[in-house]
Amino acid sequence: MAARRRAAIRPLDAALVRLQTMAARGVQPTRMAREVEIIVGEWLGEVDADPADVRIRLDELHEQLASGVVDAEEQVSYVDPDEAAAVKQAGVTLSALVATRDAVARARGAL
């Protein structure tokens, strides 16, 4: 039987999963922004890191997060206002995604 190799996960995909997991857990927006800084630092610290490649990743990450913010805004509008816990969770998640998107935009501008 042939051994299966696990496909390497693209750094961008790994970052998205990491950030989405944190947002779903209700991590505070400032922590999300710091996580973006950590991710960018990791990307820039890779062997053979090219700032142009990091910029491309950040562009893609920003597009994904901007789309996620739009989706989250739409989902917030569907939350029953009488369910306080759901409203709070939706707001926290949206705030985390907005902070993450904005942190990526700042990182893009810094490169």
N, C-alpha and C. Protein backbone atom coordinates (compact mmCIF):
# COMPACT_ATOMS: atom_id res chain seq x y z
N MET A 1 0.85 -1.17 0.00
CA MET A 1 0.00 0.00 0.00
C MET A 1 0.90 1.24 0.00
N ALA A 2 0.57 2.14 -0.85
CA ALA A 2 1.37 3.36 -0.97
C ALA A 2 1.08 4.28 0.22
N ALA A 3 2.13 4.82 0.73
CA ALA A 3 1.98 5.76 1.85
C ALA A 3 1.47 7.10 1.32
N ARG A 4 0.55 7.67 2.05
CA ARG A 4 0.02 8.98 1.65
C ARG A 4 0.81 10.07 2.34
N ARG A 5 1.09 11.08 1.60
CA ARG A 5 1.78 12.24 2.15
C ARG A 5 0.76 13.32 2.40
N ARG A 6 0.93 13.96 3.51
CA ARG A 6 0.03 15.08 3.80
C ARG A 6 0.43 16.27 2.95
N ALA A 7 -0.53 16.81 2.28
CA ALA A 7 -0.26 17.98 1.43
C ALA A 7 0.13 19.16 2.31
N ALA A 8 1.13 19.88 1.87
CA ALA A 8 1.56 21.07 2.60
C ALA A 8 0.48 22.14 2.52
N ILE A 9 0.23 22.75 3.64
CA ILE A 9 -0.77 23.83 3.67
C ILE A 9 -0.08 25.13 3.31
N ARG A 10 -0.70 25.87 2.41
CA ARG A 10 -0.14 27.17 2.05
C ARG A 10 -0.13 28.07 3.28
N PRO A 11 0.91 28.89 3.42
CA PRO A 11 0.96 29.80 4.57
C PRO A 11 -0.28 30.69 4.68
N LEU A 12 -0.81 31.11 3.55
CA LEU A 12 -2.01 31.94 3.57
C LEU A 12 -3.19 31.17 4.16
N ASP A 13 -3.36 29.94 3.73
CA ASP A 13 -4.47 29.13 4.25
C ASP A 13 -4.31 28.86 5.74
N ALA A 14 -3.08 28.59 6.17
CA ALA A 14 -2.82 28.35 7.59
C ALA A 14 -3.15 29.60 8.40
N ALA A 15 -2.79 30.76 7.87
CA ALA A 15 -3.09 32.02 8.56
C ALA A 15 -4.59 32.24 8.66
N LEU A 16 -5.30 31.98 7.58
CA LEU A 16 -6.76 32.16 7.60
C LEU A 16 -7.42 31.25 8.63
N VAL A 17 -7.01 30.00 8.67
CA VAL A 17 -7.59 29.07 9.64
C VAL A 17 -7.29 29.54 11.05
N ARG A 18 -6.07 29.96 11.27
CA ARG A 18 -5.65 30.45 12.59
C ARG A 18 -6.50 31.64 13.02
N LEU A 19 -6.67 32.60 12.13
CA LEU A 19 -7.43 33.81 12.45
C LEU A 19 -8.92 33.52 12.60
N GLN A 20 -9.45 32.67 11.73
CA GLN A 20 -10.88 32.33 11.82
C GLN A 20 -11.18 31.59 13.12
N THR A 21 -10.28 30.71 13.52
CA THR A 21 -10.46 29.97 14.77
C THR A 21 -10.49 30.93 15.95
N MET A 22 -9.57 31.88 15.94
CA MET A 22 -9.53 32.85 17.03
C MET A 22 -10.80 33.71 17.05
N ALA A 23 -11.24 34.15 15.89
CA ALA A 23 -12.45 34.99 15.82
C ALA A 23 -13.66 34.22 16.31
N ALA A 24 -13.75 32.95 15.95
CA ALA A 24 -14.88 32.13 16.38
C ALA A 24 -14.89 31.92 17.89
N ARG A 25 -13.72 31.95 18.50
CA ARG A 25 -13.63 31.79 19.96
C ARG A 25 -13.93 33.08 20.70
N GLY A 26 -14.11 34.17 19.96
CA GLY A 26 -14.46 35.43 20.59
C GLY A 26 -13.26 36.20 21.12
N VAL A 27 -12.10 35.98 20.51
CA VAL A 27 -10.89 36.69 20.92
C VAL A 27 -11.07 38.18 20.67
N GLN A 28 -10.54 38.98 21.57
CA GLN A 28 -10.69 40.44 21.49
C GLN A 28 -10.00 40.99 20.24
N PRO A 29 -10.55 42.07 19.68
CA PRO A 29 -9.99 42.66 18.46
C PRO A 29 -8.51 43.03 18.55
N THR A 30 -8.08 43.55 19.70
CA THR A 30 -6.66 43.92 19.82
C THR A 30 -5.76 42.69 19.74
N ARG A 31 -6.23 41.58 20.27
CA ARG A 31 -5.45 40.33 20.20
C ARG A 31 -5.40 39.83 18.76
N MET A 32 -6.48 40.00 18.04
CA MET A 32 -6.52 39.60 16.63
C MET A 32 -5.50 40.41 15.83
N ALA A 33 -5.44 41.71 16.10
CA ALA A 33 -4.49 42.58 15.40
C ALA A 33 -3.05 42.16 15.71
N ARG A 34 -2.79 41.80 16.97
CA ARG A 34 -1.44 41.33 17.32
C ARG A 34 -1.11 40.03 16.61
N GLU A 35 -2.10 39.18 16.45
CA GLU A 35 -1.87 37.90 15.76
C GLU A 35 -1.47 38.14 14.30
N VAL A 36 -2.08 39.14 13.67
CA VAL A 36 -1.69 39.49 12.30
C VAL A 36 -0.23 39.90 12.28
N GLU A 37 0.18 40.71 13.25
CA GLU A 37 1.58 41.13 13.31
C GLU A 37 2.51 39.93 13.48
N ILE A 38 2.10 38.97 14.29
CA ILE A 38 2.90 37.76 14.49
C ILE A 38 3.01 36.97 13.20
N ILE A 39 1.89 36.82 12.50
CA ILE A 39 1.88 36.08 11.23
C ILE A 39 2.79 36.75 10.21
N VAL A 40 2.68 38.05 10.08
CA VAL A 40 3.52 38.78 9.12
C VAL A 40 4.99 38.61 9.50
N GLY A 41 5.30 38.69 10.78
CA GLY A 41 6.67 38.48 11.23
C GLY A 41 7.18 37.09 10.89
N GLU A 42 6.31 36.10 11.04
CA GLU A 42 6.69 34.72 10.68
C GLU A 42 6.96 34.62 9.18
N TRP A 43 6.09 35.23 8.39
CA TRP A 43 6.28 35.18 6.94
C TRP A 43 7.58 35.86 6.53
N LEU A 44 7.86 37.01 7.13
CA LEU A 44 9.08 37.73 6.79
C LEU A 44 10.32 37.02 7.32
N GLY A 45 10.15 36.20 8.35
CA GLY A 45 11.26 35.47 8.94
C GLY A 45 11.57 34.14 8.29
N GLU A 46 10.75 33.74 7.32
CA GLU A 46 10.99 32.47 6.62
C GLU A 46 12.30 32.54 5.85
N VAL A 47 12.93 31.37 5.72
CA VAL A 47 14.13 31.29 4.89
C VAL A 47 13.71 31.67 3.47
N ASP A 48 14.51 32.47 2.82
CA ASP A 48 14.22 32.94 1.47
C ASP A 48 12.98 33.82 1.40
N ALA A 49 12.63 34.47 2.49
CA ALA A 49 11.45 35.35 2.49
C ALA A 49 11.68 36.52 1.53
N ASP A 50 10.69 36.75 0.71
CA ASP A 50 10.73 37.86 -0.24
C ASP A 50 9.58 38.80 0.14
N PRO A 51 9.89 40.04 0.48
CA PRO A 51 8.83 40.98 0.85
C PRO A 51 7.73 41.10 -0.22
N ALA A 52 8.08 40.93 -1.48
CA ALA A 52 7.07 41.01 -2.54
C ALA A 52 6.09 39.84 -2.42
N ASP A 53 6.60 38.66 -2.07
CA ASP A 53 5.72 37.50 -1.88
C ASP A 53 4.84 37.68 -0.65
N VAL A 54 5.42 38.26 0.39
CA VAL A 54 4.64 38.53 1.59
C VAL A 54 3.54 39.53 1.27
N ARG A 55 3.86 40.51 0.47
CA ARG A 55 2.86 41.51 0.06
C ARG A 55 1.71 40.84 -0.70
N ILE A 56 2.04 39.89 -1.56
CA ILE A 56 1.00 39.16 -2.31
C ILE A 56 0.11 38.38 -1.34
N ARG A 57 0.74 37.72 -0.37
CA ARG A 57 -0.04 36.98 0.64
C ARG A 57 -0.96 37.93 1.40
N LEU A 58 -0.42 39.09 1.77
CA LEU A 58 -1.22 40.07 2.51
C LEU A 58 -2.38 40.58 1.67
N ASP A 59 -2.14 40.78 0.38
CA ASP A 59 -3.22 41.21 -0.51
C ASP A 59 -4.34 40.16 -0.53
N GLU A 60 -3.94 38.89 -0.66
CA GLU A 60 -4.93 37.81 -0.69
C GLU A 60 -5.65 37.68 0.66
N LEU A 61 -4.87 37.80 1.74
CA LEU A 61 -5.46 37.72 3.07
C LEU A 61 -6.46 38.86 3.28
N HIS A 62 -6.11 40.04 2.84
CA HIS A 62 -7.01 41.19 2.97
C HIS A 62 -8.30 40.96 2.20
N GLU A 63 -8.19 40.44 0.98
CA GLU A 63 -9.39 40.15 0.19
C GLU A 63 -10.29 39.16 0.90
N GLN A 64 -9.70 38.11 1.45
CA GLN A 64 -10.49 37.09 2.15
C GLN A 64 -11.16 37.68 3.39
N LEU A 65 -10.41 38.47 4.13
CA LEU A 65 -10.97 39.06 5.35
C LEU A 65 -12.04 40.10 5.04
N ALA A 66 -11.83 40.88 3.99
CA ALA A 66 -12.84 41.87 3.60
C ALA A 66 -14.15 41.16 3.24
N SER A 67 -14.03 40.05 2.55
CA SER A 67 -15.21 39.25 2.21
C SER A 67 -15.85 38.69 3.48
N GLY A 68 -15.02 38.24 4.41
CA GLY A 68 -15.53 37.72 5.68
C GLY A 68 -16.26 38.77 6.49
N VAL A 69 -15.76 40.00 6.45
CA VAL A 69 -16.42 41.10 7.17
C VAL A 69 -17.81 41.35 6.57
N VAL A 70 -17.88 41.37 5.25
CA VAL A 70 -19.18 41.58 4.59
C VAL A 70 -20.15 40.47 4.98
N ASP A 71 -19.67 39.22 4.96
CA ASP A 71 -20.52 38.10 5.35
C ASP A 71 -20.96 38.21 6.81
N ALA A 72 -20.02 38.59 7.68
CA ALA A 72 -20.35 38.71 9.10
C ALA A 72 -21.36 39.83 9.34
N GLU A 73 -21.21 40.93 8.61
CA GLU A 73 -22.19 42.02 8.74
C GLU A 73 -23.58 41.54 8.34
N GLU A 74 -23.64 40.75 7.29
CA GLU A 74 -24.93 40.22 6.86
C GLU A 74 -25.50 39.28 7.92
N GLN A 75 -24.64 38.43 8.49
CA GLN A 75 -25.11 37.48 9.50
C GLN A 75 -25.61 38.21 10.75
N VAL A 76 -24.94 39.30 11.12
CA VAL A 76 -25.38 40.08 12.28
C VAL A 76 -26.80 40.58 12.06
N SER A 77 -27.11 40.95 10.84
CA SER A 77 -28.45 41.47 10.56
C SER A 77 -29.53 40.40 10.72
N TYR A 78 -29.15 39.12 10.67
CA TYR A 78 -30.11 38.03 10.81
C TYR A 78 -30.30 37.58 12.25
N VAL A 79 -29.45 38.07 13.15
CA VAL A 79 -29.54 37.64 14.55
C VAL A 79 -30.79 38.25 15.19
N ASP A 80 -31.51 37.41 15.90
CA ASP A 80 -32.71 37.86 16.61
C ASP A 80 -32.31 38.82 17.72
N PRO A 81 -32.76 40.07 17.66
CA PRO A 81 -32.35 41.06 18.67
C PRO A 81 -32.79 40.70 20.08
N ASP A 82 -33.74 39.78 20.21
CA ASP A 82 -34.20 39.36 21.53
C ASP A 82 -33.25 38.35 22.18
N GLU A 83 -32.31 37.82 21.41
CA GLU A 83 -31.36 36.85 21.94
C GLU A 83 -30.04 37.58 22.22
N ALA A 84 -29.94 38.08 23.43
CA ALA A 84 -28.80 38.93 23.80
C ALA A 84 -27.46 38.24 23.63
N ALA A 85 -27.38 36.97 23.98
CA ALA A 85 -26.10 36.25 23.86
C ALA A 85 -25.68 36.12 22.40
N ALA A 86 -26.63 35.86 21.54
CA ALA A 86 -26.33 35.72 20.11
C ALA A 86 -25.91 37.07 19.52
N VAL A 87 -26.58 38.12 19.94
CA VAL A 87 -26.24 39.46 19.46
C VAL A 87 -24.83 39.82 19.90
N LYS A 88 -24.53 39.52 21.16
CA LYS A 88 -23.19 39.82 21.69
C LYS A 88 -22.12 39.03 20.93
N GLN A 89 -22.34 37.74 20.75
CA GLN A 89 -21.35 36.90 20.06
C GLN A 89 -21.15 37.37 18.62
N ALA A 90 -22.21 37.70 17.94
CA ALA A 90 -22.10 38.17 16.56
C ALA A 90 -21.32 39.48 16.50
N GLY A 91 -21.57 40.36 17.45
CA GLY A 91 -20.86 41.64 17.49
C GLY A 91 -19.38 41.47 17.78
N VAL A 92 -19.06 40.57 18.70
CA VAL A 92 -17.66 40.31 19.04
C VAL A 92 -16.93 39.72 17.84
N THR A 93 -17.57 38.78 17.17
CA THR A 93 -16.95 38.16 16.00
C THR A 93 -16.74 39.19 14.90
N LEU A 94 -17.73 40.02 14.65
CA LEU A 94 -17.60 41.05 13.63
C LEU A 94 -16.48 42.03 13.98
N SER A 95 -16.43 42.45 15.23
CA SER A 95 -15.36 43.37 15.66
C SER A 95 -13.99 42.75 15.47
N ALA A 96 -13.86 41.47 15.78
CA ALA A 96 -12.58 40.78 15.62
C ALA A 96 -12.18 40.71 14.15
N LEU A 97 -13.13 40.43 13.29
CA LEU A 97 -12.83 40.36 11.85
C LEU A 97 -12.45 41.73 11.29
N VAL A 98 -13.15 42.76 11.72
CA VAL A 98 -12.83 44.12 11.26
C VAL A 98 -11.43 44.51 11.72
N ALA A 99 -11.10 44.22 12.97
CA ALA A 99 -9.76 44.54 13.49
C ALA A 99 -8.69 43.76 12.73
N THR A 100 -8.98 42.54 12.39
CA THR A 100 -8.02 41.72 11.65
C THR A 100 -7.82 42.26 10.25
N ARG A 101 -8.92 42.59 9.59
CA ARG A 101 -8.82 43.17 8.24
C ARG A 101 -8.02 44.46 8.26
N ASP A 102 -8.30 45.31 9.25
CA ASP A 102 -7.60 46.59 9.34
C ASP A 102 -6.11 46.40 9.66
N ALA A 103 -5.78 45.41 10.47
CA ALA A 103 -4.38 45.12 10.79
C ALA A 103 -3.64 44.65 9.55
N VAL A 104 -4.30 43.86 8.73
CA VAL A 104 -3.68 43.41 7.47
C VAL A 104 -3.46 44.61 6.56
N ALA A 105 -4.41 45.52 6.50
CA ALA A 105 -4.26 46.72 5.67
C ALA A 105 -3.06 47.54 6.15
N ARG A 106 -2.90 47.67 7.46
CA ARG A 106 -1.75 48.41 7.98
C ARG A 106 -0.43 47.70 7.63
N ALA A 107 -0.43 46.39 7.74
CA ALA A 107 0.79 45.62 7.41
C ALA A 107 1.13 45.76 5.93
N ARG A 108 0.11 45.77 5.10
CA ARG A 108 0.34 45.96 3.66
C ARG A 108 0.98 47.31 3.41
N GLY A 109 0.48 48.33 4.10
CA GLY A 109 1.01 49.67 3.92
C GLY A 109 2.43 49.82 4.42
N ALA A 110 2.81 48.99 5.38
CA ALA A 110 4.15 49.06 5.97
C ALA A 110 5.21 48.38 5.09
N LEU A 111 4.77 47.54 4.17
CA LEU A 111 5.76 46.84 3.30
C LEU A 111 6.11 47.65 2.10
